[in-house]
Amino acid sequence: NTNIRIAETCFLGRNRPELLKLGENSIRDRSGGLYDILDCLCDSLSDLSMKDSATPLDRSLNELLYAYYPEGGFYRRHRDAIPNSASVLRKYSLLLYLNRDGWSPDKDAGQLRMHLDGGGDECPPGVQPNFIDVDPLGGTLVLFKSEAIPHEVLNTMSERFALVGWFNRPVSASDIANLGEGGNLVQVGMMAVALALVTVGVT
């Protein structure tokens, strides 16, 4: 829906066949590379999650994307974790900016706007807007709780590059039950696939 988002994405991850064709032993895959760093970050966040909800994170369900916003791109206000959907597994959201040096707020734009007004996909009626804008400077890492912070990508005036991901918790029986009550068979199927990955594992 180009009224909500203008951007392109592709999946990243260990042992993805389409990435392995590009060459082995890339910086992503080698020891101490991107995936190892993200695994360490996941472990640290899992410790926090245990203190917060007694639920660890599940590495096998982590999601990672490469996100490209062209000039004129945007992503309107949204949340990353929506109740009674497969995205409810998302506990922490990750953004790592890959833009070149010299980014300018006036010339390039495309800031991340994090809304703190207590609303969901819209500001609550009668509430004054309250937000923080994060400049997408190369090397900047942003982490936040997926269900807690509505956010958006402001209109870009030049190309914008980032890694985007989510650290997810395991699937629970109540997740399946909640989706089933909504009667959405597609969502039930998606959650069932996620549950199979946790139970059986992937190789």
N, C-alpha and C. Protein backbone atom coordinates (compact mmCIF):
# COMPACT_ATOMS: atom_id res chain seq x y z
N ASN A 1 0.84 -1.18 0.00
CA ASN A 1 0.00 0.00 0.00
C ASN A 1 0.88 1.25 0.00
N THR A 2 0.96 1.93 -1.13
CA THR A 2 1.85 3.09 -1.25
C THR A 2 1.33 4.33 -0.53
N ASN A 3 0.13 4.24 0.05
CA ASN A 3 -0.32 5.32 0.92
C ASN A 3 0.28 5.20 2.31
N ILE A 4 0.75 3.99 2.65
CA ILE A 4 1.34 3.73 3.96
C ILE A 4 2.86 3.70 3.88
N ARG A 5 3.40 3.11 2.82
CA ARG A 5 4.86 2.95 2.74
C ARG A 5 5.32 2.97 1.31
N ILE A 6 6.43 3.67 1.07
CA ILE A 6 7.17 3.57 -0.18
C ILE A 6 8.59 3.19 0.19
N ALA A 7 8.93 1.92 0.00
CA ALA A 7 10.25 1.38 0.35
C ALA A 7 10.36 -0.01 -0.25
N GLU A 8 11.58 -0.51 -0.31
CA GLU A 8 11.84 -1.86 -0.77
C GLU A 8 12.63 -2.60 0.31
N THR A 9 12.32 -3.89 0.47
CA THR A 9 13.01 -4.68 1.49
C THR A 9 13.39 -6.05 0.93
N CYS A 10 14.39 -6.66 1.54
CA CYS A 10 14.72 -8.06 1.25
C CYS A 10 15.20 -8.71 2.54
N PHE A 11 14.94 -10.01 2.67
CA PHE A 11 15.28 -10.72 3.88
C PHE A 11 16.79 -10.98 3.95
N LEU A 12 17.31 -10.94 5.16
CA LEU A 12 18.68 -11.33 5.45
C LEU A 12 18.64 -12.44 6.50
N GLY A 13 19.74 -13.17 6.63
CA GLY A 13 19.81 -14.21 7.65
C GLY A 13 20.85 -15.24 7.30
N ARG A 14 21.27 -15.98 8.30
CA ARG A 14 22.26 -17.03 8.07
C ARG A 14 21.70 -18.08 7.11
N ASN A 15 22.56 -18.51 6.21
CA ASN A 15 22.27 -19.65 5.33
C ASN A 15 21.07 -19.45 4.41
N ARG A 16 20.70 -18.20 4.15
CA ARG A 16 19.65 -17.99 3.16
C ARG A 16 20.23 -18.29 1.77
N PRO A 17 19.62 -19.20 1.01
CA PRO A 17 20.20 -19.65 -0.27
C PRO A 17 20.51 -18.51 -1.23
N GLU A 18 19.61 -17.52 -1.29
CA GLU A 18 19.82 -16.44 -2.25
C GLU A 18 21.04 -15.59 -1.89
N LEU A 19 21.41 -15.57 -0.58
CA LEU A 19 22.58 -14.80 -0.17
C LEU A 19 23.85 -15.62 -0.31
N LEU A 20 23.76 -16.93 -0.07
CA LEU A 20 24.93 -17.79 -0.21
C LEU A 20 25.45 -17.80 -1.64
N LYS A 21 24.55 -17.59 -2.61
CA LYS A 21 24.97 -17.56 -4.01
C LYS A 21 25.89 -16.38 -4.30
N LEU A 22 25.84 -15.35 -3.44
CA LEU A 22 26.65 -14.16 -3.67
C LEU A 22 28.10 -14.37 -3.23
N GLY A 23 28.36 -15.48 -2.54
CA GLY A 23 29.72 -15.75 -2.11
C GLY A 23 29.76 -16.19 -0.66
N GLU A 24 30.71 -17.05 -0.35
CA GLU A 24 30.85 -17.56 1.01
C GLU A 24 31.79 -16.67 1.82
N ASN A 25 31.73 -16.84 3.13
CA ASN A 25 32.62 -16.14 4.06
C ASN A 25 32.51 -14.62 3.91
N SER A 26 31.29 -14.14 3.76
CA SER A 26 31.10 -12.70 3.70
C SER A 26 31.28 -12.10 5.09
N ILE A 27 31.35 -10.79 5.15
CA ILE A 27 31.46 -10.11 6.44
C ILE A 27 30.27 -10.44 7.32
N ARG A 28 29.10 -10.65 6.70
CA ARG A 28 27.91 -11.00 7.47
C ARG A 28 28.10 -12.32 8.20
N ASP A 29 28.67 -13.31 7.51
CA ASP A 29 28.67 -14.68 8.01
C ASP A 29 29.89 -15.05 8.85
N ARG A 30 31.01 -14.41 8.62
CA ARG A 30 32.23 -14.85 9.28
C ARG A 30 32.16 -14.60 10.78
N SER A 31 33.02 -15.29 11.53
CA SER A 31 33.06 -15.15 12.99
C SER A 31 33.29 -13.69 13.37
N GLY A 32 32.47 -13.20 14.28
CA GLY A 32 32.58 -11.80 14.68
C GLY A 32 31.89 -10.84 13.74
N GLY A 33 31.20 -11.38 12.71
CA GLY A 33 30.51 -10.55 11.74
C GLY A 33 29.14 -10.12 12.22
N LEU A 34 28.34 -9.62 11.28
CA LEU A 34 27.05 -9.04 11.61
C LEU A 34 26.17 -10.00 12.39
N TYR A 35 26.04 -11.25 11.91
CA TYR A 35 25.12 -12.16 12.56
C TYR A 35 25.56 -12.53 13.97
N ASP A 36 26.86 -12.68 14.18
CA ASP A 36 27.36 -12.95 15.53
C ASP A 36 27.08 -11.77 16.46
N ILE A 37 27.27 -10.57 15.96
CA ILE A 37 27.00 -9.37 16.77
C ILE A 37 25.52 -9.32 17.15
N LEU A 38 24.64 -9.59 16.19
CA LEU A 38 23.21 -9.56 16.48
C LEU A 38 22.81 -10.68 17.42
N ASP A 39 23.47 -11.84 17.34
CA ASP A 39 23.19 -12.92 18.29
C ASP A 39 23.56 -12.49 19.72
N CYS A 40 24.70 -11.82 19.86
CA CYS A 40 25.10 -11.34 21.19
C CYS A 40 24.10 -10.31 21.72
N LEU A 41 23.64 -9.44 20.83
CA LEU A 41 22.64 -8.45 21.22
C LEU A 41 21.34 -9.14 21.63
N CYS A 42 20.95 -10.16 20.88
CA CYS A 42 19.75 -10.92 21.21
C CYS A 42 19.87 -11.56 22.59
N ASP A 43 21.03 -12.12 22.91
CA ASP A 43 21.23 -12.74 24.22
C ASP A 43 21.10 -11.72 25.34
N SER A 44 21.65 -10.53 25.14
CA SER A 44 21.55 -9.48 26.16
C SER A 44 20.10 -9.04 26.35
N LEU A 45 19.38 -8.87 25.23
CA LEU A 45 17.98 -8.48 25.32
C LEU A 45 17.12 -9.60 25.92
N SER A 46 17.52 -10.84 25.68
CA SER A 46 16.78 -11.97 26.24
C SER A 46 16.86 -11.94 27.76
N ASP A 47 18.03 -11.57 28.29
CA ASP A 47 18.17 -11.44 29.75
C ASP A 47 17.23 -10.37 30.28
N LEU A 48 17.12 -9.24 29.56
CA LEU A 48 16.18 -8.19 29.97
C LEU A 48 14.75 -8.68 29.88
N SER A 49 14.43 -9.43 28.83
CA SER A 49 13.08 -9.94 28.65
C SER A 49 12.69 -10.88 29.77
N MET A 50 13.66 -11.67 30.25
CA MET A 50 13.39 -12.59 31.35
C MET A 50 13.03 -11.82 32.62
N LYS A 51 13.71 -10.70 32.85
CA LYS A 51 13.41 -9.89 34.03
C LYS A 51 12.05 -9.21 33.90
N ASP A 52 11.69 -8.86 32.65
CA ASP A 52 10.46 -8.11 32.40
C ASP A 52 9.23 -9.01 32.40
N SER A 53 9.33 -10.19 31.77
CA SER A 53 8.14 -11.02 31.60
C SER A 53 8.39 -12.51 31.83
N ALA A 54 9.59 -12.86 32.26
CA ALA A 54 9.95 -14.27 32.48
C ALA A 54 9.91 -15.08 31.18
N THR A 55 9.97 -14.39 30.04
CA THR A 55 9.96 -15.07 28.75
C THR A 55 11.23 -14.73 27.99
N PRO A 56 12.08 -15.71 27.66
CA PRO A 56 13.29 -15.42 26.89
C PRO A 56 12.96 -15.16 25.43
N LEU A 57 13.92 -14.67 24.68
CA LEU A 57 13.76 -14.52 23.24
C LEU A 57 14.14 -15.82 22.54
N ASP A 58 13.68 -15.99 21.33
CA ASP A 58 13.95 -17.20 20.55
C ASP A 58 14.71 -16.82 19.29
N ARG A 59 16.00 -17.14 19.24
CA ARG A 59 16.83 -16.77 18.09
C ARG A 59 16.28 -17.30 16.77
N SER A 60 15.67 -18.47 16.80
CA SER A 60 15.22 -19.09 15.55
C SER A 60 14.09 -18.31 14.89
N LEU A 61 13.45 -17.40 15.64
CA LEU A 61 12.35 -16.61 15.09
C LEU A 61 12.73 -15.17 14.79
N ASN A 62 14.00 -14.82 15.01
CA ASN A 62 14.42 -13.44 14.71
C ASN A 62 14.21 -13.13 13.23
N GLU A 63 13.87 -11.86 12.96
CA GLU A 63 13.66 -11.40 11.59
C GLU A 63 14.68 -10.30 11.29
N LEU A 64 15.21 -10.29 10.08
CA LEU A 64 16.18 -9.28 9.67
C LEU A 64 15.96 -8.93 8.21
N LEU A 65 15.86 -7.63 7.93
CA LEU A 65 15.61 -7.15 6.57
C LEU A 65 16.62 -6.07 6.21
N TYR A 66 16.88 -5.96 4.93
CA TYR A 66 17.57 -4.79 4.38
C TYR A 66 16.49 -3.88 3.83
N ALA A 67 16.48 -2.63 4.27
CA ALA A 67 15.43 -1.69 3.87
C ALA A 67 16.03 -0.53 3.08
N TYR A 68 15.44 -0.30 1.92
CA TYR A 68 15.87 0.80 1.05
C TYR A 68 14.70 1.74 0.81
N TYR A 69 14.90 3.02 1.13
CA TYR A 69 13.90 4.06 0.86
C TYR A 69 14.44 4.96 -0.25
N PRO A 70 13.73 5.06 -1.37
CA PRO A 70 14.17 5.95 -2.43
C PRO A 70 13.88 7.40 -2.07
N GLU A 71 14.33 8.31 -2.86
CA GLU A 71 13.92 9.71 -2.69
C GLU A 71 12.39 9.78 -2.78
N GLY A 72 11.76 10.40 -1.80
CA GLY A 72 10.31 10.43 -1.75
C GLY A 72 9.69 9.26 -1.01
N GLY A 73 10.53 8.43 -0.40
CA GLY A 73 10.03 7.30 0.37
C GLY A 73 9.53 7.72 1.74
N PHE A 74 8.79 6.83 2.39
CA PHE A 74 8.27 7.10 3.72
C PHE A 74 7.65 5.82 4.27
N TYR A 75 7.33 5.84 5.56
CA TYR A 75 6.53 4.78 6.19
C TYR A 75 5.71 5.46 7.27
N ARG A 76 4.40 5.53 7.06
CA ARG A 76 3.54 6.25 7.99
C ARG A 76 3.49 5.58 9.36
N ARG A 77 2.96 6.31 10.32
CA ARG A 77 2.92 5.85 11.71
C ARG A 77 2.32 4.45 11.83
N HIS A 78 3.01 3.60 12.60
CA HIS A 78 2.58 2.22 12.79
C HIS A 78 3.26 1.64 14.01
N ARG A 79 2.80 0.48 14.43
CA ARG A 79 3.44 -0.31 15.47
C ARG A 79 3.98 -1.60 14.86
N ASP A 80 5.04 -2.14 15.44
CA ASP A 80 5.64 -3.36 14.90
C ASP A 80 5.00 -4.63 15.44
N ALA A 81 4.34 -4.55 16.59
CA ALA A 81 3.69 -5.72 17.19
C ALA A 81 2.22 -5.39 17.43
N ILE A 82 1.34 -6.13 16.75
CA ILE A 82 -0.09 -5.89 16.82
C ILE A 82 -0.75 -7.07 17.52
N PRO A 83 -1.57 -6.83 18.56
CA PRO A 83 -2.26 -7.94 19.24
C PRO A 83 -3.08 -8.77 18.26
N ASN A 84 -3.14 -10.08 18.54
CA ASN A 84 -3.90 -11.02 17.74
C ASN A 84 -3.44 -11.10 16.29
N SER A 85 -2.14 -10.93 16.09
CA SER A 85 -1.53 -11.14 14.78
C SER A 85 -0.20 -11.85 14.98
N ALA A 86 0.38 -12.37 13.91
CA ALA A 86 1.66 -13.07 14.03
C ALA A 86 2.75 -12.14 14.54
N SER A 87 2.61 -10.83 14.30
CA SER A 87 3.64 -9.88 14.74
C SER A 87 3.68 -9.71 16.25
N VAL A 88 2.71 -10.30 16.97
CA VAL A 88 2.69 -10.16 18.43
C VAL A 88 3.92 -10.81 19.07
N LEU A 89 4.61 -11.67 18.33
CA LEU A 89 5.83 -12.30 18.85
C LEU A 89 6.99 -11.31 18.98
N ARG A 90 6.90 -10.19 18.29
CA ARG A 90 8.01 -9.24 18.28
C ARG A 90 8.12 -8.54 19.65
N LYS A 91 9.30 -8.65 20.25
CA LYS A 91 9.53 -8.01 21.56
C LYS A 91 10.36 -6.74 21.43
N TYR A 92 11.41 -6.79 20.62
CA TYR A 92 12.30 -5.64 20.45
C TYR A 92 12.51 -5.38 18.96
N SER A 93 12.44 -4.11 18.59
CA SER A 93 12.70 -3.69 17.21
C SER A 93 14.11 -3.13 17.09
N LEU A 94 14.73 -3.35 15.96
CA LEU A 94 16.11 -2.96 15.70
C LEU A 94 16.19 -2.18 14.40
N LEU A 95 16.92 -1.08 14.43
CA LEU A 95 17.28 -0.36 13.20
C LEU A 95 18.76 -0.03 13.28
N LEU A 96 19.49 -0.33 12.23
CA LEU A 96 20.90 0.02 12.11
C LEU A 96 21.07 0.77 10.80
N TYR A 97 21.42 2.06 10.89
CA TYR A 97 21.47 2.89 9.68
C TYR A 97 22.78 2.69 8.94
N LEU A 98 22.68 2.65 7.60
CA LEU A 98 23.81 2.39 6.73
C LEU A 98 24.07 3.56 5.78
N ASN A 99 23.53 4.71 6.09
CA ASN A 99 23.70 5.86 5.21
C ASN A 99 25.13 6.37 5.23
N ARG A 100 25.53 6.98 4.11
CA ARG A 100 26.89 7.51 4.00
C ARG A 100 27.08 8.71 4.92
N ASP A 101 28.34 9.01 5.19
CA ASP A 101 28.67 10.21 5.96
C ASP A 101 28.16 11.45 5.22
N GLY A 102 27.86 12.47 5.99
CA GLY A 102 27.44 13.72 5.38
C GLY A 102 25.93 13.88 5.28
N TRP A 103 25.17 12.98 5.92
CA TRP A 103 23.72 13.12 5.91
C TRP A 103 23.33 14.45 6.52
N SER A 104 22.35 15.11 5.93
CA SER A 104 21.90 16.43 6.38
C SER A 104 20.39 16.42 6.63
N PRO A 105 19.93 16.90 7.78
CA PRO A 105 18.48 16.93 8.04
C PRO A 105 17.73 17.80 7.06
N ASP A 106 18.35 18.85 6.55
CA ASP A 106 17.68 19.74 5.60
C ASP A 106 17.71 19.19 4.18
N LYS A 107 18.81 18.57 3.79
CA LYS A 107 18.98 18.10 2.41
C LYS A 107 18.44 16.69 2.19
N ASP A 108 18.55 15.83 3.22
CA ASP A 108 18.25 14.40 3.02
C ASP A 108 16.97 13.94 3.72
N ALA A 109 16.68 14.47 4.92
CA ALA A 109 15.49 14.13 5.70
C ALA A 109 15.40 12.61 5.95
N GLY A 110 14.17 12.07 6.10
CA GLY A 110 14.01 10.64 6.36
C GLY A 110 14.27 10.23 7.79
N GLN A 111 14.06 11.14 8.75
CA GLN A 111 14.27 10.79 10.15
C GLN A 111 13.27 9.73 10.63
N LEU A 112 13.66 9.01 11.66
CA LEU A 112 12.76 8.11 12.37
C LEU A 112 12.04 8.93 13.44
N ARG A 113 10.73 8.97 13.39
CA ARG A 113 9.95 9.69 14.41
C ARG A 113 9.32 8.66 15.35
N MET A 114 9.69 8.73 16.63
CA MET A 114 9.19 7.82 17.65
C MET A 114 8.16 8.56 18.49
N HIS A 115 6.91 8.07 18.45
CA HIS A 115 5.81 8.75 19.10
C HIS A 115 5.67 8.30 20.56
N LEU A 116 5.53 9.28 21.46
CA LEU A 116 5.47 9.03 22.90
C LEU A 116 4.16 9.55 23.49
N ASP A 117 3.10 9.57 22.68
CA ASP A 117 1.83 10.15 23.13
C ASP A 117 0.88 9.12 23.74
N GLY A 118 1.33 7.86 23.83
CA GLY A 118 0.50 6.83 24.43
C GLY A 118 -0.52 6.21 23.50
N GLY A 119 -0.51 6.61 22.24
CA GLY A 119 -1.48 6.08 21.27
C GLY A 119 -0.95 4.86 20.55
N GLY A 120 -1.75 4.41 19.58
CA GLY A 120 -1.35 3.29 18.74
C GLY A 120 -0.94 3.80 17.37
N ASP A 121 -1.70 3.44 16.36
CA ASP A 121 -1.38 3.87 15.01
C ASP A 121 -1.77 5.33 14.76
N GLU A 122 -2.47 5.93 15.71
CA GLU A 122 -2.82 7.35 15.62
C GLU A 122 -2.65 8.00 16.99
N CYS A 123 -2.44 9.30 16.99
CA CYS A 123 -2.37 10.05 18.24
C CYS A 123 -3.76 10.05 18.88
N PRO A 124 -3.88 9.79 20.18
CA PRO A 124 -5.20 9.78 20.82
C PRO A 124 -5.88 11.14 20.71
N PRO A 125 -7.20 11.17 20.54
CA PRO A 125 -7.93 12.43 20.46
C PRO A 125 -7.68 13.30 21.70
N GLY A 126 -7.43 14.58 21.47
CA GLY A 126 -7.25 15.52 22.55
C GLY A 126 -5.86 15.51 23.17
N VAL A 127 -4.98 14.66 22.67
CA VAL A 127 -3.62 14.57 23.22
C VAL A 127 -2.66 15.34 22.32
N GLN A 128 -1.80 16.13 22.92
CA GLN A 128 -0.81 16.88 22.16
C GLN A 128 0.26 15.93 21.62
N PRO A 129 0.68 16.11 20.37
CA PRO A 129 1.76 15.27 19.83
C PRO A 129 3.02 15.35 20.69
N ASN A 130 3.64 14.22 20.88
CA ASN A 130 4.86 14.13 21.67
C ASN A 130 5.74 13.08 21.00
N PHE A 131 6.90 13.50 20.51
CA PHE A 131 7.72 12.58 19.75
C PHE A 131 9.20 12.97 19.84
N ILE A 132 10.03 11.99 19.45
CA ILE A 132 11.47 12.20 19.31
C ILE A 132 11.84 11.84 17.88
N ASP A 133 12.62 12.69 17.22
CA ASP A 133 13.13 12.39 15.89
C ASP A 133 14.57 11.91 15.99
N VAL A 134 14.87 10.79 15.34
CA VAL A 134 16.22 10.22 15.32
C VAL A 134 16.80 10.40 13.93
N ASP A 135 17.93 11.07 13.85
CA ASP A 135 18.60 11.26 12.57
C ASP A 135 19.20 9.93 12.10
N PRO A 136 18.99 9.54 10.84
CA PRO A 136 19.48 8.25 10.35
C PRO A 136 20.96 8.30 9.94
N LEU A 137 21.80 8.68 10.87
CA LEU A 137 23.24 8.75 10.60
C LEU A 137 23.83 7.35 10.51
N GLY A 138 24.70 7.13 9.56
CA GLY A 138 25.33 5.83 9.39
C GLY A 138 25.98 5.34 10.66
N GLY A 139 25.71 4.09 11.05
CA GLY A 139 26.27 3.51 12.27
C GLY A 139 25.39 3.67 13.48
N THR A 140 24.30 4.43 13.37
CA THR A 140 23.40 4.62 14.51
C THR A 140 22.53 3.38 14.69
N LEU A 141 22.48 2.86 15.92
CA LEU A 141 21.66 1.71 16.27
C LEU A 141 20.51 2.18 17.14
N VAL A 142 19.29 1.78 16.77
CA VAL A 142 18.09 2.14 17.53
C VAL A 142 17.41 0.85 17.97
N LEU A 143 17.08 0.75 19.26
CA LEU A 143 16.36 -0.39 19.82
C LEU A 143 15.18 0.12 20.63
N PHE A 144 14.03 -0.55 20.51
CA PHE A 144 12.89 -0.18 21.33
C PHE A 144 11.93 -1.36 21.41
N LYS A 145 11.03 -1.33 22.40
CA LYS A 145 10.05 -2.39 22.55
C LYS A 145 9.02 -2.28 21.42
N SER A 146 8.81 -3.39 20.74
CA SER A 146 8.01 -3.38 19.52
C SER A 146 6.56 -2.99 19.76
N GLU A 147 5.99 -3.42 20.89
CA GLU A 147 4.58 -3.15 21.12
C GLU A 147 4.34 -1.79 21.76
N ALA A 148 5.42 -1.12 22.19
CA ALA A 148 5.25 0.08 23.01
C ALA A 148 5.40 1.39 22.26
N ILE A 149 6.15 1.40 21.15
CA ILE A 149 6.51 2.66 20.51
C ILE A 149 5.99 2.74 19.08
N PRO A 150 4.88 3.46 18.85
CA PRO A 150 4.51 3.75 17.46
C PRO A 150 5.59 4.64 16.82
N HIS A 151 5.82 4.46 15.54
CA HIS A 151 6.90 5.21 14.90
C HIS A 151 6.61 5.33 13.41
N GLU A 152 7.39 6.17 12.76
CA GLU A 152 7.25 6.35 11.32
C GLU A 152 8.57 6.83 10.73
N VAL A 153 8.72 6.63 9.44
CA VAL A 153 9.85 7.19 8.69
C VAL A 153 9.32 8.42 7.95
N LEU A 154 9.88 9.57 8.25
CA LEU A 154 9.44 10.80 7.60
C LEU A 154 9.88 10.81 6.13
N ASN A 155 9.22 11.59 5.34
CA ASN A 155 9.51 11.64 3.91
C ASN A 155 10.99 11.87 3.65
N THR A 156 11.56 11.06 2.76
CA THR A 156 12.97 11.18 2.43
C THR A 156 13.17 12.14 1.26
N MET A 157 14.31 12.81 1.29
CA MET A 157 14.68 13.69 0.18
C MET A 157 15.89 13.15 -0.56
N SER A 158 16.39 12.00 -0.11
CA SER A 158 17.45 11.27 -0.80
C SER A 158 17.34 9.81 -0.40
N GLU A 159 18.14 8.95 -0.98
CA GLU A 159 18.08 7.53 -0.66
C GLU A 159 18.44 7.29 0.81
N ARG A 160 17.80 6.28 1.39
CA ARG A 160 17.99 5.97 2.82
C ARG A 160 18.15 4.47 2.95
N PHE A 161 19.21 4.03 3.66
CA PHE A 161 19.54 2.61 3.77
C PHE A 161 19.60 2.21 5.25
N ALA A 162 19.08 1.01 5.54
CA ALA A 162 19.11 0.55 6.93
C ALA A 162 18.93 -0.96 6.99
N LEU A 163 19.40 -1.55 8.09
CA LEU A 163 18.99 -2.89 8.47
C LEU A 163 17.84 -2.74 9.46
N VAL A 164 16.82 -3.55 9.29
CA VAL A 164 15.65 -3.52 10.15
C VAL A 164 15.40 -4.93 10.65
N GLY A 165 15.10 -5.09 11.93
CA GLY A 165 14.86 -6.43 12.43
C GLY A 165 14.03 -6.45 13.69
N TRP A 166 13.66 -7.67 14.08
CA TRP A 166 12.88 -7.87 15.29
C TRP A 166 13.40 -9.09 16.03
N PHE A 167 13.57 -8.93 17.34
CA PHE A 167 13.93 -10.05 18.21
C PHE A 167 12.62 -10.55 18.82
N ASN A 168 12.31 -11.82 18.58
CA ASN A 168 11.00 -12.37 18.89
C ASN A 168 11.03 -13.35 20.05
N ARG A 169 9.90 -13.43 20.73
CA ARG A 169 9.72 -14.42 21.80
C ARG A 169 9.16 -15.70 21.21
N PRO A 170 9.16 -16.80 21.98
CA PRO A 170 8.56 -18.05 21.47
C PRO A 170 7.05 -17.92 21.30
N VAL A 171 6.49 -18.81 20.49
CA VAL A 171 5.05 -18.90 20.33
C VAL A 171 4.46 -19.63 21.53
N SER A 172 3.31 -19.15 22.02
CA SER A 172 2.63 -19.80 23.13
C SER A 172 1.29 -20.35 22.66
N ALA A 173 0.73 -21.25 23.45
CA ALA A 173 -0.59 -21.81 23.11
C ALA A 173 -1.65 -20.72 23.08
N SER A 174 -1.52 -19.72 23.94
CA SER A 174 -2.51 -18.64 23.97
C SER A 174 -2.46 -17.80 22.69
N ASP A 175 -1.27 -17.71 22.06
CA ASP A 175 -1.17 -16.99 20.79
C ASP A 175 -2.05 -17.66 19.74
N ILE A 176 -1.96 -18.98 19.64
CA ILE A 176 -2.77 -19.71 18.68
C ILE A 176 -4.25 -19.55 18.99
N ALA A 177 -4.59 -19.64 20.27
CA ALA A 177 -5.99 -19.52 20.67
C ALA A 177 -6.54 -18.14 20.33
N ASN A 178 -5.76 -17.10 20.58
CA ASN A 178 -6.23 -15.74 20.32
C ASN A 178 -6.46 -15.51 18.83
N LEU A 179 -5.56 -16.05 17.99
CA LEU A 179 -5.76 -15.92 16.55
C LEU A 179 -6.98 -16.70 16.09
N GLY A 180 -7.18 -17.89 16.68
CA GLY A 180 -8.32 -18.70 16.31
C GLY A 180 -9.64 -18.03 16.62
N GLU A 181 -9.69 -17.29 17.73
CA GLU A 181 -10.92 -16.59 18.10
C GLU A 181 -11.28 -15.53 17.07
N GLY A 182 -10.26 -14.95 16.42
CA GLY A 182 -10.53 -13.93 15.42
C GLY A 182 -11.02 -14.50 14.10
N GLY A 183 -10.87 -15.81 13.92
CA GLY A 183 -11.38 -16.44 12.72
C GLY A 183 -10.54 -16.21 11.48
N ASN A 184 -9.31 -15.69 11.63
CA ASN A 184 -8.46 -15.44 10.47
C ASN A 184 -7.57 -16.65 10.24
N LEU A 185 -7.93 -17.48 9.27
CA LEU A 185 -7.20 -18.72 9.05
C LEU A 185 -5.80 -18.48 8.54
N VAL A 186 -5.59 -17.40 7.78
CA VAL A 186 -4.25 -17.08 7.30
C VAL A 186 -3.33 -16.79 8.47
N GLN A 187 -3.80 -15.98 9.43
CA GLN A 187 -2.98 -15.66 10.59
C GLN A 187 -2.73 -16.90 11.43
N VAL A 188 -3.74 -17.75 11.58
CA VAL A 188 -3.56 -19.00 12.32
C VAL A 188 -2.48 -19.85 11.66
N GLY A 189 -2.52 -19.91 10.32
CA GLY A 189 -1.51 -20.68 9.60
C GLY A 189 -0.12 -20.14 9.79
N MET A 190 0.01 -18.80 9.75
CA MET A 190 1.33 -18.18 9.95
C MET A 190 1.87 -18.49 11.34
N MET A 191 1.01 -18.41 12.34
CA MET A 191 1.45 -18.70 13.69
C MET A 191 1.80 -20.17 13.85
N ALA A 192 1.05 -21.04 13.18
CA ALA A 192 1.35 -22.47 13.25
C ALA A 192 2.72 -22.77 12.65
N VAL A 193 3.07 -22.11 11.56
CA VAL A 193 4.40 -22.28 10.97
C VAL A 193 5.47 -21.84 11.95
N ALA A 194 5.25 -20.69 12.60
CA ALA A 194 6.22 -20.21 13.59
C ALA A 194 6.36 -21.20 14.73
N LEU A 195 5.23 -21.77 15.18
CA LEU A 195 5.28 -22.75 16.25
C LEU A 195 6.06 -23.99 15.83
N ALA A 196 5.90 -24.40 14.57
CA ALA A 196 6.64 -25.56 14.08
C ALA A 196 8.14 -25.29 14.08
N LEU A 197 8.54 -24.07 13.74
CA LEU A 197 9.95 -23.72 13.74
C LEU A 197 10.54 -23.82 15.13
N VAL A 198 9.76 -23.41 16.13
CA VAL A 198 10.24 -23.48 17.51
C VAL A 198 10.31 -24.91 17.99
N THR A 199 9.27 -25.72 17.65
CA THR A 199 9.19 -27.07 18.17
C THR A 199 10.15 -28.02 17.48
N VAL A 200 10.22 -27.92 16.14
CA VAL A 200 11.03 -28.86 15.36
C VAL A 200 12.41 -28.30 15.10
N GLY A 201 12.50 -26.99 14.92
CA GLY A 201 13.77 -26.38 14.62
C GLY A 201 14.01 -26.33 13.12
N VAL A 202 14.98 -25.54 12.70
CA VAL A 202 15.34 -25.45 11.30
C VAL A 202 16.81 -25.75 11.14
N THR A 203 17.18 -26.28 9.99
CA THR A 203 18.57 -26.63 9.75
C THR A 203 19.13 -25.81 8.61
